[in-house]
Full PDB file with SEQRES, HELIX, SHEET, SSBOND, CRYST1, ORIGX, SCALE, CONECT and MASTER records, all heavy atoms in Angstrom:
SEQRES   1 A   37  PRO ALA PRO VAL TRP HIS ALA VAL ALA GLY PHE ASP GLU          
SEQRES   2 A   37  SER PHE PHE MET TYR CYS GLU ASP VAL ASP LEU SER LEU          
SEQRES   3 A   37  ARG VAL GLN LEU GLY GLY TRP LYS LEU ALA ALA                  
HELIX    1 AA1 ALA A    2  ALA A    7  1                                   6    
HELIX    2 AA2 GLU A   20  LEU A   30  1                                  11    
CRYST1    1.000    1.000    1.000  90.00  90.00  90.00 P 1           1          
ORIGX1      1.000000  0.000000  0.000000        0.00000                         
ORIGX2      0.000000  1.000000  0.000000        0.00000                         
ORIGX3      0.000000  0.000000  1.000000        0.00000                         
SCALE1      1.000000  0.000000  0.000000        0.00000                         
SCALE2      0.000000  1.000000  0.000000        0.00000                         
SCALE3      0.000000  0.000000  1.000000        0.00000                         
ATOM      1  N   PRO A   1      27.281 -25.947   1.476  1.00  0.00           N  
ATOM      2  CA  PRO A   1      27.397 -27.380   1.190  1.00  0.00           C  
ATOM      3  C   PRO A   1      28.528 -27.535   0.176  1.00  0.00           C  
ATOM      4  O   PRO A   1      28.666 -26.817  -0.814  1.00  0.00           O  
ATOM      5  CB  PRO A   1      26.058 -27.684   0.541  1.00  0.00           C  
ATOM      6  CG  PRO A   1      25.065 -26.628   1.019  1.00  0.00           C  
ATOM      7  CD  PRO A   1      25.984 -25.406   1.075  1.00  0.00           C  
ATOM      8  N   ALA A   2      29.292 -28.561   0.418  1.00  0.00           N  
ATOM      9  CA  ALA A   2      30.529 -28.750  -0.559  1.00  0.00           C  
ATOM     10  C   ALA A   2      30.082 -28.942  -2.041  1.00  0.00           C  
ATOM     11  O   ALA A   2      30.776 -28.391  -2.899  1.00  0.00           O  
ATOM     12  CB  ALA A   2      31.288 -29.964  -0.048  1.00  0.00           C  
ATOM     13  N   PRO A   3      28.944 -29.647  -2.285  1.00  0.00           N  
ATOM     14  CA  PRO A   3      28.548 -29.665  -3.741  1.00  0.00           C  
ATOM     15  C   PRO A   3      28.267 -28.323  -4.361  1.00  0.00           C  
ATOM     16  O   PRO A   3      28.501 -28.189  -5.535  1.00  0.00           O  
ATOM     17  CB  PRO A   3      27.270 -30.626  -3.656  1.00  0.00           C  
ATOM     18  CG  PRO A   3      27.427 -31.410  -2.423  1.00  0.00           C  
ATOM     19  CD  PRO A   3      28.076 -30.434  -1.418  1.00  0.00           C  
ATOM     20  N   VAL A   4      27.735 -27.437  -3.542  1.00  0.00           N  
ATOM     21  CA  VAL A   4      27.535 -26.080  -4.097  1.00  0.00           C  
ATOM     22  C   VAL A   4      28.829 -25.328  -4.336  1.00  0.00           C  
ATOM     23  O   VAL A   4      29.046 -24.744  -5.420  1.00  0.00           O  
ATOM     24  CB  VAL A   4      26.645 -25.259  -3.112  1.00  0.00           C  
ATOM     25  CG1 VAL A   4      26.444 -23.824  -3.591  1.00  0.00           C  
ATOM     26  CG2 VAL A   4      25.247 -25.851  -2.954  1.00  0.00           C  
ATOM     27  N   TRP A   5      29.727 -25.409  -3.375  1.00  0.00           N  
ATOM     28  CA  TRP A   5      31.054 -24.793  -3.521  1.00  0.00           C  
ATOM     29  C   TRP A   5      31.788 -25.293  -4.780  1.00  0.00           C  
ATOM     30  O   TRP A   5      32.250 -24.548  -5.598  1.00  0.00           O  
ATOM     31  CB  TRP A   5      31.922 -25.061  -2.278  1.00  0.00           C  
ATOM     32  CG  TRP A   5      33.329 -24.589  -2.398  1.00  0.00           C  
ATOM     33  CD1 TRP A   5      34.420 -25.344  -2.772  1.00  0.00           C  
ATOM     34  CD2 TRP A   5      33.758 -23.274  -2.220  1.00  0.00           C  
ATOM     35  NE1 TRP A   5      35.523 -24.613  -2.716  1.00  0.00           N  
ATOM     36  CE2 TRP A   5      35.232 -23.312  -2.387  1.00  0.00           C  
ATOM     37  CE3 TRP A   5      33.253 -22.066  -1.776  1.00  0.00           C  
ATOM     38  CZ2 TRP A   5      36.035 -22.186  -2.246  1.00  0.00           C  
ATOM     39  CZ3 TRP A   5      34.039 -20.964  -1.701  1.00  0.00           C  
ATOM     40  CH2 TRP A   5      35.378 -20.992  -1.912  1.00  0.00           C  
ATOM     41  N   HIS A   6      31.734 -26.587  -5.010  1.00  0.00           N  
ATOM     42  CA  HIS A   6      32.412 -27.168  -6.096  1.00  0.00           C  
ATOM     43  C   HIS A   6      31.708 -26.905  -7.422  1.00  0.00           C  
ATOM     44  O   HIS A   6      32.314 -26.646  -8.483  1.00  0.00           O  
ATOM     45  CB  HIS A   6      32.610 -28.748  -5.948  1.00  0.00           C  
ATOM     46  CG  HIS A   6      33.423 -29.146  -4.847  1.00  0.00           C  
ATOM     47  ND1 HIS A   6      34.672 -28.562  -4.588  1.00  0.00           N  
ATOM     48  CD2 HIS A   6      33.160 -30.039  -3.819  1.00  0.00           C  
ATOM     49  CE1 HIS A   6      35.151 -29.168  -3.438  1.00  0.00           C  
ATOM     50  NE2 HIS A   6      34.338 -30.084  -3.019  1.00  0.00           N  
ATOM     51  N   ALA A   7      30.367 -26.809  -7.376  1.00  0.00           N  
ATOM     52  CA  ALA A   7      29.558 -26.543  -8.633  1.00  0.00           C  
ATOM     53  C   ALA A   7      29.855 -25.144  -9.118  1.00  0.00           C  
ATOM     54  O   ALA A   7      29.879 -24.943 -10.327  1.00  0.00           O  
ATOM     55  CB  ALA A   7      28.097 -26.688  -8.355  1.00  0.00           C  
ATOM     56  N   VAL A   8      30.062 -24.172  -8.246  1.00  0.00           N  
ATOM     57  CA  VAL A   8      30.297 -22.779  -8.665  1.00  0.00           C  
ATOM     58  C   VAL A   8      31.831 -22.501  -8.782  1.00  0.00           C  
ATOM     59  O   VAL A   8      32.218 -21.394  -9.131  1.00  0.00           O  
ATOM     60  CB  VAL A   8      29.652 -21.681  -7.783  1.00  0.00           C  
ATOM     61  CG1 VAL A   8      28.154 -21.908  -7.734  1.00  0.00           C  
ATOM     62  CG2 VAL A   8      30.238 -21.764  -6.285  1.00  0.00           C  
ATOM     63  N   ALA A   9      32.604 -23.504  -8.480  1.00  0.00           N  
ATOM     64  CA  ALA A   9      34.114 -23.380  -8.570  1.00  0.00           C  
ATOM     65  C   ALA A   9      34.667 -22.328  -7.620  1.00  0.00           C  
ATOM     66  O   ALA A   9      35.643 -21.729  -7.929  1.00  0.00           O  
ATOM     67  CB  ALA A   9      34.531 -23.125  -9.987  1.00  0.00           C  
ATOM     68  N   GLY A  10      34.048 -22.227  -6.440  1.00  0.00           N  
ATOM     69  CA  GLY A  10      34.603 -21.294  -5.429  1.00  0.00           C  
ATOM     70  C   GLY A  10      34.561 -19.825  -5.874  1.00  0.00           C  
ATOM     71  O   GLY A  10      33.701 -19.436  -6.628  1.00  0.00           O  
ATOM     72  N   PHE A  11      35.568 -19.111  -5.422  1.00  0.00           N  
ATOM     73  CA  PHE A  11      35.624 -17.669  -5.778  1.00  0.00           C  
ATOM     74  C   PHE A  11      36.216 -17.474  -7.159  1.00  0.00           C  
ATOM     75  O   PHE A  11      36.978 -18.244  -7.622  1.00  0.00           O  
ATOM     76  CB  PHE A  11      36.491 -16.940  -4.730  1.00  0.00           C  
ATOM     77  CG  PHE A  11      35.952 -16.885  -3.362  1.00  0.00           C  
ATOM     78  CD1 PHE A  11      36.460 -17.582  -2.253  1.00  0.00           C  
ATOM     79  CD2 PHE A  11      34.884 -16.042  -3.134  1.00  0.00           C  
ATOM     80  CE1 PHE A  11      35.968 -17.410  -0.966  1.00  0.00           C  
ATOM     81  CE2 PHE A  11      34.311 -15.849  -1.797  1.00  0.00           C  
ATOM     82  CZ  PHE A  11      34.819 -16.567  -0.791  1.00  0.00           C  
ATOM     83  N   ASP A  12      35.730 -16.351  -7.746  1.00  0.00           N  
ATOM     84  CA  ASP A  12      36.370 -15.953  -9.032  1.00  0.00           C  
ATOM     85  C   ASP A  12      37.624 -15.268  -8.661  1.00  0.00           C  
ATOM     86  O   ASP A  12      37.664 -14.166  -8.064  1.00  0.00           O  
ATOM     87  CB  ASP A  12      35.342 -15.057  -9.729  1.00  0.00           C  
ATOM     88  CG  ASP A  12      35.854 -14.569 -11.091  1.00  0.00           C  
ATOM     89  OD1 ASP A  12      37.065 -14.673 -11.369  1.00  0.00           O  
ATOM     90  OD2 ASP A  12      35.013 -14.083 -11.893  1.00  0.00           O  
ATOM     91  N   GLU A  13      38.771 -15.791  -9.122  1.00  0.00           N  
ATOM     92  CA  GLU A  13      40.080 -15.230  -8.780  1.00  0.00           C  
ATOM     93  C   GLU A  13      40.434 -13.969  -9.510  1.00  0.00           C  
ATOM     94  O   GLU A  13      41.509 -13.429  -9.358  1.00  0.00           O  
ATOM     95  CB  GLU A  13      41.155 -16.274  -8.948  1.00  0.00           C  
ATOM     96  CG  GLU A  13      40.970 -17.436  -7.963  1.00  0.00           C  
ATOM     97  CD  GLU A  13      42.052 -18.525  -8.040  1.00  0.00           C  
ATOM     98  OE1 GLU A  13      43.176 -18.245  -8.582  1.00  0.00           O  
ATOM     99  OE2 GLU A  13      41.731 -19.664  -7.603  1.00  0.00           O  
ATOM    100  N   SER A  14      39.543 -13.520 -10.466  1.00  0.00           N  
ATOM    101  CA  SER A  14      39.806 -12.235 -11.069  1.00  0.00           C  
ATOM    102  C   SER A  14      39.640 -11.120 -10.113  1.00  0.00           C  
ATOM    103  O   SER A  14      40.092  -9.923 -10.356  1.00  0.00           O  
ATOM    104  CB  SER A  14      38.965 -12.021 -12.366  1.00  0.00           C  
ATOM    105  OG  SER A  14      37.620 -11.981 -11.975  1.00  0.00           O  
ATOM    106  N   PHE A  15      38.972 -11.387  -8.985  1.00  0.00           N  
ATOM    107  CA  PHE A  15      38.884 -10.463  -7.848  1.00  0.00           C  
ATOM    108  C   PHE A  15      40.047 -10.675  -6.923  1.00  0.00           C  
ATOM    109  O   PHE A  15      40.068 -11.755  -6.258  1.00  0.00           O  
ATOM    110  CB  PHE A  15      37.562 -10.540  -7.122  1.00  0.00           C  
ATOM    111  CG  PHE A  15      36.295 -10.296  -8.016  1.00  0.00           C  
ATOM    112  CD1 PHE A  15      35.732 -11.355  -8.658  1.00  0.00           C  
ATOM    113  CD2 PHE A  15      35.834  -9.055  -8.075  1.00  0.00           C  
ATOM    114  CE1 PHE A  15      34.592 -11.131  -9.374  1.00  0.00           C  
ATOM    115  CE2 PHE A  15      34.665  -8.789  -8.840  1.00  0.00           C  
ATOM    116  CZ  PHE A  15      34.092  -9.903  -9.459  1.00  0.00           C  
ATOM    117  N   PHE A  16      40.980  -9.771  -6.820  1.00  0.00           N  
ATOM    118  CA  PHE A  16      42.130 -10.000  -5.984  1.00  0.00           C  
ATOM    119  C   PHE A  16      41.717  -9.755  -4.478  1.00  0.00           C  
ATOM    120  O   PHE A  16      42.000 -10.512  -3.581  1.00  0.00           O  
ATOM    121  CB  PHE A  16      43.296  -9.030  -6.304  1.00  0.00           C  
ATOM    122  CG  PHE A  16      44.458  -9.116  -5.283  1.00  0.00           C  
ATOM    123  CD1 PHE A  16      45.290 -10.204  -5.469  1.00  0.00           C  
ATOM    124  CD2 PHE A  16      44.650  -8.202  -4.304  1.00  0.00           C  
ATOM    125  CE1 PHE A  16      46.384 -10.357  -4.580  1.00  0.00           C  
ATOM    126  CE2 PHE A  16      45.789  -8.352  -3.494  1.00  0.00           C  
ATOM    127  CZ  PHE A  16      46.666  -9.409  -3.654  1.00  0.00           C  
ATOM    128  N   MET A  17      40.976  -8.724  -4.262  1.00  0.00           N  
ATOM    129  CA  MET A  17      40.420  -8.435  -2.959  1.00  0.00           C  
ATOM    130  C   MET A  17      39.238  -7.513  -3.164  1.00  0.00           C  
ATOM    131  O   MET A  17      39.296  -6.596  -4.025  1.00  0.00           O  
ATOM    132  CB  MET A  17      41.481  -7.740  -2.122  1.00  0.00           C  
ATOM    133  CG  MET A  17      41.020  -7.522  -0.604  1.00  0.00           C  
ATOM    134  SD  MET A  17      42.345  -6.715   0.321  1.00  0.00           S  
ATOM    135  CE  MET A  17      43.655  -7.979   0.328  1.00  0.00           C  
ATOM    136  N   TYR A  18      38.183  -7.759  -2.393  1.00  0.00           N  
ATOM    137  CA  TYR A  18      36.850  -7.007  -2.460  1.00  0.00           C  
ATOM    138  C   TYR A  18      35.955  -7.512  -3.590  1.00  0.00           C  
ATOM    139  O   TYR A  18      36.497  -7.873  -4.777  1.00  0.00           O  
ATOM    140  CB  TYR A  18      37.103  -5.482  -2.704  1.00  0.00           C  
ATOM    141  CG  TYR A  18      37.900  -4.823  -1.539  1.00  0.00           C  
ATOM    142  CD1 TYR A  18      39.160  -4.319  -1.850  1.00  0.00           C  
ATOM    143  CD2 TYR A  18      37.459  -4.833  -0.264  1.00  0.00           C  
ATOM    144  CE1 TYR A  18      39.904  -3.752  -0.787  1.00  0.00           C  
ATOM    145  CE2 TYR A  18      38.174  -4.234   0.756  1.00  0.00           C  
ATOM    146  CZ  TYR A  18      39.399  -3.705   0.448  1.00  0.00           C  
ATOM    147  OH  TYR A  18      40.187  -3.108   1.522  1.00  0.00           O  
ATOM    148  N   CYS A  19      34.694  -7.630  -3.324  1.00  0.00           N  
ATOM    149  CA  CYS A  19      33.651  -8.008  -4.254  1.00  0.00           C  
ATOM    150  C   CYS A  19      33.578  -9.495  -4.629  1.00  0.00           C  
ATOM    151  O   CYS A  19      32.702  -9.902  -5.286  1.00  0.00           O  
ATOM    152  CB  CYS A  19      33.721  -7.155  -5.570  1.00  0.00           C  
ATOM    153  SG  CYS A  19      33.372  -5.447  -5.259  1.00  0.00           S  
ATOM    154  N   GLU A  20      34.647 -10.243  -4.236  1.00  0.00           N  
ATOM    155  CA  GLU A  20      34.557 -11.667  -4.490  1.00  0.00           C  
ATOM    156  C   GLU A  20      33.349 -12.370  -3.836  1.00  0.00           C  
ATOM    157  O   GLU A  20      32.738 -13.291  -4.342  1.00  0.00           O  
ATOM    158  CB  GLU A  20      35.812 -12.406  -4.163  1.00  0.00           C  
ATOM    159  CG  GLU A  20      36.271 -12.290  -2.756  1.00  0.00           C  
ATOM    160  CD  GLU A  20      37.106 -11.037  -2.483  1.00  0.00           C  
ATOM    161  OE1 GLU A  20      38.239 -10.940  -2.924  1.00  0.00           O  
ATOM    162  OE2 GLU A  20      36.564 -10.125  -1.854  1.00  0.00           O  
ATOM    163  N   ASP A  21      33.019 -11.792  -2.665  1.00  0.00           N  
ATOM    164  CA  ASP A  21      31.855 -12.351  -1.955  1.00  0.00           C  
ATOM    165  C   ASP A  21      30.568 -11.961  -2.643  1.00  0.00           C  
ATOM    166  O   ASP A  21      29.570 -12.711  -2.627  1.00  0.00           O  
ATOM    167  CB  ASP A  21      31.872 -11.923  -0.442  1.00  0.00           C  
ATOM    168  CG  ASP A  21      32.245 -10.485  -0.154  1.00  0.00           C  
ATOM    169  OD1 ASP A  21      32.261  -9.742  -1.147  1.00  0.00           O  
ATOM    170  OD2 ASP A  21      32.429 -10.172   1.012  1.00  0.00           O  
ATOM    171  N   VAL A  22      30.526 -10.780  -3.126  1.00  0.00           N  
ATOM    172  CA  VAL A  22      29.314 -10.345  -3.937  1.00  0.00           C  
ATOM    173  C   VAL A  22      29.143 -11.281  -5.113  1.00  0.00           C  
ATOM    174  O   VAL A  22      28.020 -11.854  -5.326  1.00  0.00           O  
ATOM    175  CB  VAL A  22      29.480  -8.849  -4.474  1.00  0.00           C  
ATOM    176  CG1 VAL A  22      28.141  -8.393  -5.160  1.00  0.00           C  
ATOM    177  CG2 VAL A  22      29.865  -7.974  -3.364  1.00  0.00           C  
ATOM    178  N   ASP A  23      30.221 -11.465  -5.867  1.00  0.00           N  
ATOM    179  CA  ASP A  23      30.183 -12.385  -7.021  1.00  0.00           C  
ATOM    180  C   ASP A  23      29.754 -13.780  -6.658  1.00  0.00           C  
ATOM    181  O   ASP A  23      28.950 -14.406  -7.306  1.00  0.00           O  
ATOM    182  CB  ASP A  23      31.508 -12.298  -7.712  1.00  0.00           C  
ATOM    183  CG  ASP A  23      31.604 -13.340  -8.861  1.00  0.00           C  
ATOM    184  OD1 ASP A  23      31.014 -13.074  -9.964  1.00  0.00           O  
ATOM    185  OD2 ASP A  23      32.231 -14.424  -8.622  1.00  0.00           O  
ATOM    186  N   LEU A  24      30.361 -14.345  -5.593  1.00  0.00           N  
ATOM    187  CA  LEU A  24      30.009 -15.717  -5.125  1.00  0.00           C  
ATOM    188  C   LEU A  24      28.530 -15.757  -4.834  1.00  0.00           C  
ATOM    189  O   LEU A  24      27.834 -16.702  -5.243  1.00  0.00           O  
ATOM    190  CB  LEU A  24      30.823 -16.012  -3.982  1.00  0.00           C  
ATOM    191  CG  LEU A  24      30.562 -17.468  -3.384  1.00  0.00           C  
ATOM    192  CD1 LEU A  24      31.002 -18.548  -4.342  1.00  0.00           C  
ATOM    193  CD2 LEU A  24      31.303 -17.647  -2.070  1.00  0.00           C  
ATOM    194  N   SER A  25      27.968 -14.811  -4.032  1.00  0.00           N  
ATOM    195  CA  SER A  25      26.611 -14.807  -3.605  1.00  0.00           C  
ATOM    196  C   SER A  25      25.717 -14.801  -4.781  1.00  0.00           C  
ATOM    197  O   SER A  25      24.678 -15.504  -4.925  1.00  0.00           O  
ATOM    198  CB  SER A  25      26.281 -13.624  -2.756  1.00  0.00           C  
ATOM    199  OG  SER A  25      26.909 -13.786  -1.495  1.00  0.00           O  
ATOM    200  N   LEU A  26      26.074 -14.020  -5.879  1.00  0.00           N  
ATOM    201  CA  LEU A  26      25.237 -13.887  -7.117  1.00  0.00           C  
ATOM    202  C   LEU A  26      25.242 -15.138  -7.824  1.00  0.00           C  
ATOM    203  O   LEU A  26      24.222 -15.698  -8.306  1.00  0.00           O  
ATOM    204  CB  LEU A  26      25.774 -12.743  -7.970  1.00  0.00           C  
ATOM    205  CG  LEU A  26      25.674 -11.341  -7.427  1.00  0.00           C  
ATOM    206  CD1 LEU A  26      26.194 -10.327  -8.407  1.00  0.00           C  
ATOM    207  CD2 LEU A  26      24.342 -10.936  -6.903  1.00  0.00           C  
ATOM    208  N   ARG A  27      26.423 -15.788  -8.023  1.00  0.00           N  
ATOM    209  CA  ARG A  27      26.541 -16.990  -8.815  1.00  0.00           C  
ATOM    210  C   ARG A  27      25.870 -18.123  -8.147  1.00  0.00           C  
ATOM    211  O   ARG A  27      25.255 -19.000  -8.749  1.00  0.00           O  
ATOM    212  CB  ARG A  27      28.042 -17.345  -9.134  1.00  0.00           C  
ATOM    213  CG  ARG A  27      28.644 -16.355 -10.096  1.00  0.00           C  
ATOM    214  CD  ARG A  27      30.072 -16.772 -10.531  1.00  0.00           C  
ATOM    215  NE  ARG A  27      31.021 -16.662  -9.478  1.00  0.00           N  
ATOM    216  CZ  ARG A  27      31.562 -17.684  -8.818  1.00  0.00           C  
ATOM    217  NH1 ARG A  27      31.332 -18.977  -9.145  1.00  0.00           N  
ATOM    218  NH2 ARG A  27      32.486 -17.478  -7.825  1.00  0.00           N  
ATOM    219  N   VAL A  28      25.880 -18.228  -6.757  1.00  0.00           N  
ATOM    220  CA  VAL A  28      25.145 -19.244  -6.051  1.00  0.00           C  
ATOM    221  C   VAL A  28      23.753 -19.059  -6.310  1.00  0.00           C  
ATOM    222  O   VAL A  28      22.975 -20.090  -6.574  1.00  0.00           O  
ATOM    223  CB  VAL A  28      25.478 -19.188  -4.517  1.00  0.00           C  
ATOM    224  CG1 VAL A  28      24.544 -19.994  -3.734  1.00  0.00           C  
ATOM    225  CG2 VAL A  28      26.940 -19.657  -4.303  1.00  0.00           C  
ATOM    226  N   GLN A  29      23.210 -17.886  -6.263  1.00  0.00           N  
ATOM    227  CA  GLN A  29      21.719 -17.740  -6.446  1.00  0.00           C  
ATOM    228  C   GLN A  29      21.324 -17.943  -7.902  1.00  0.00           C  
ATOM    229  O   GLN A  29      20.271 -18.497  -8.114  1.00  0.00           O  
ATOM    230  CB  GLN A  29      21.299 -16.369  -6.022  1.00  0.00           C  
ATOM    231  CG  GLN A  29      21.468 -16.105  -4.473  1.00  0.00           C  
ATOM    232  CD  GLN A  29      21.239 -14.706  -4.133  1.00  0.00           C  
ATOM    233  OE1 GLN A  29      20.119 -14.240  -3.700  1.00  0.00           O  
ATOM    234  NE2 GLN A  29      22.347 -13.894  -4.162  1.00  0.00           N  
ATOM    235  N   LEU A  30      22.142 -17.568  -8.783  1.00  0.00           N  
ATOM    236  CA  LEU A  30      21.856 -17.839 -10.258  1.00  0.00           C  
ATOM    237  C   LEU A  30      21.848 -19.414 -10.538  1.00  0.00           C  
ATOM    238  O   LEU A  30      21.219 -19.770 -11.419  1.00  0.00           O  
ATOM    239  CB  LEU A  30      22.903 -17.196 -11.113  1.00  0.00           C  
ATOM    240  CG  LEU A  30      22.821 -15.605 -11.259  1.00  0.00           C  
ATOM    241  CD1 LEU A  30      24.051 -15.079 -11.899  1.00  0.00           C  
ATOM    242  CD2 LEU A  30      21.524 -15.213 -11.924  1.00  0.00           C  
ATOM    243  N   GLY A  31      22.634 -20.155  -9.683  1.00  0.00           N  
ATOM    244  CA  GLY A  31      22.637 -21.541  -9.775  1.00  0.00           C  
ATOM    245  C   GLY A  31      21.364 -22.197  -9.272  1.00  0.00           C  
ATOM    246  O   GLY A  31      21.247 -23.446  -9.308  1.00  0.00           O  
ATOM    247  N   GLY A  32      20.516 -21.394  -8.653  1.00  0.00           N  
ATOM    248  CA  GLY A  32      19.274 -21.994  -8.069  1.00  0.00           C  
ATOM    249  C   GLY A  32      19.188 -22.124  -6.577  1.00  0.00           C  
ATOM    250  O   GLY A  32      18.191 -22.658  -6.082  1.00  0.00           O  
ATOM    251  N   TRP A  33      20.266 -21.739  -5.854  1.00  0.00           N  
ATOM    252  CA  TRP A  33      20.323 -21.856  -4.440  1.00  0.00           C  
ATOM    253  C   TRP A  33      20.019 -20.584  -3.766  1.00  0.00           C  
ATOM    254  O   TRP A  33      20.035 -19.512  -4.443  1.00  0.00           O  
ATOM    255  CB  TRP A  33      21.651 -22.384  -4.014  1.00  0.00           C  
ATOM    256  CG  TRP A  33      22.016 -23.756  -4.540  1.00  0.00           C  
ATOM    257  CD1 TRP A  33      21.549 -24.966  -4.093  1.00  0.00           C  
ATOM    258  CD2 TRP A  33      22.980 -24.024  -5.595  1.00  0.00           C  
ATOM    259  NE1 TRP A  33      22.077 -25.968  -4.808  1.00  0.00           N  
ATOM    260  CE2 TRP A  33      23.001 -25.431  -5.755  1.00  0.00           C  
ATOM    261  CE3 TRP A  33      23.762 -23.217  -6.439  1.00  0.00           C  
ATOM    262  CZ2 TRP A  33      23.747 -26.090  -6.720  1.00  0.00           C  
ATOM    263  CZ3 TRP A  33      24.547 -23.895  -7.373  1.00  0.00           C  
ATOM    264  CH2 TRP A  33      24.550 -25.214  -7.539  1.00  0.00           C  
ATOM    265  N   LYS A  34      19.780 -20.614  -2.514  1.00  0.00           N  
ATOM    266  CA  LYS A  34      19.450 -19.330  -1.763  1.00  0.00           C  
ATOM    267  C   LYS A  34      20.430 -19.068  -0.654  1.00  0.00           C  
ATOM    268  O   LYS A  34      21.207 -19.948  -0.210  1.00  0.00           O  
ATOM    269  CB  LYS A  34      18.000 -19.457  -1.162  1.00  0.00           C  
ATOM    270  CG  LYS A  34      17.795 -20.609  -0.223  1.00  0.00           C  
ATOM    271  CD  LYS A  34      16.320 -20.779   0.040  1.00  0.00           C  
ATOM    272  CE  LYS A  34      16.118 -21.949   1.015  1.00  0.00           C  
ATOM    273  NZ  LYS A  34      14.638 -22.188   1.375  1.00  0.00           N  
ATOM    274  N   LEU A  35      20.396 -17.833  -0.117  1.00  0.00           N  
ATOM    275  CA  LEU A  35      21.165 -17.442   0.989  1.00  0.00           C  
ATOM    276  C   LEU A  35      20.365 -17.653   2.271  1.00  0.00           C  
ATOM    277  O   LEU A  35      19.127 -17.225   2.244  1.00  0.00           O  
ATOM    278  CB  LEU A  35      21.604 -15.929   0.882  1.00  0.00           C  
ATOM    279  CG  LEU A  35      22.223 -15.550  -0.438  1.00  0.00           C  
ATOM    280  CD1 LEU A  35      22.547 -14.042  -0.459  1.00  0.00           C  
ATOM    281  CD2 LEU A  35      23.420 -16.393  -0.796  1.00  0.00           C  
ATOM    282  N   ALA A  36      20.830 -18.201   3.309  1.00  0.00           N  
ATOM    283  CA  ALA A  36      20.133 -18.527   4.502  1.00  0.00           C  
ATOM    284  C   ALA A  36      20.702 -17.852   5.714  1.00  0.00           C  
ATOM    285  O   ALA A  36      21.826 -18.151   6.144  1.00  0.00           O  
ATOM    286  CB  ALA A  36      20.087 -20.003   4.770  1.00  0.00           C  
ATOM    287  N   ALA A  37      19.936 -16.894   6.314  1.00  0.00           N  
ATOM    288  CA  ALA A  37      20.295 -16.288   7.543  1.00  0.00           C  
ATOM    289  C   ALA A  37      20.221 -17.317   8.722  1.00  0.00           C  
ATOM    290  O   ALA A  37      19.303 -18.044   8.721  1.00  0.00           O  
ATOM    291  CB  ALA A  37      19.400 -15.086   7.799  1.00  0.00           C  
TER     292      ALA A  37                                                      
MASTER        0    0    0    2    0    0    0    6  291    1    0    3          
END                                                                             
């Protein structure tokens, strides 16, 4: 959802390549949202 993307400010750009998706998933869940298969 766009509000979630904007709330977490997208990807952390300190990751050039690899693990940015790990970090995004963690921050989304720490924000109170869940991952949905």
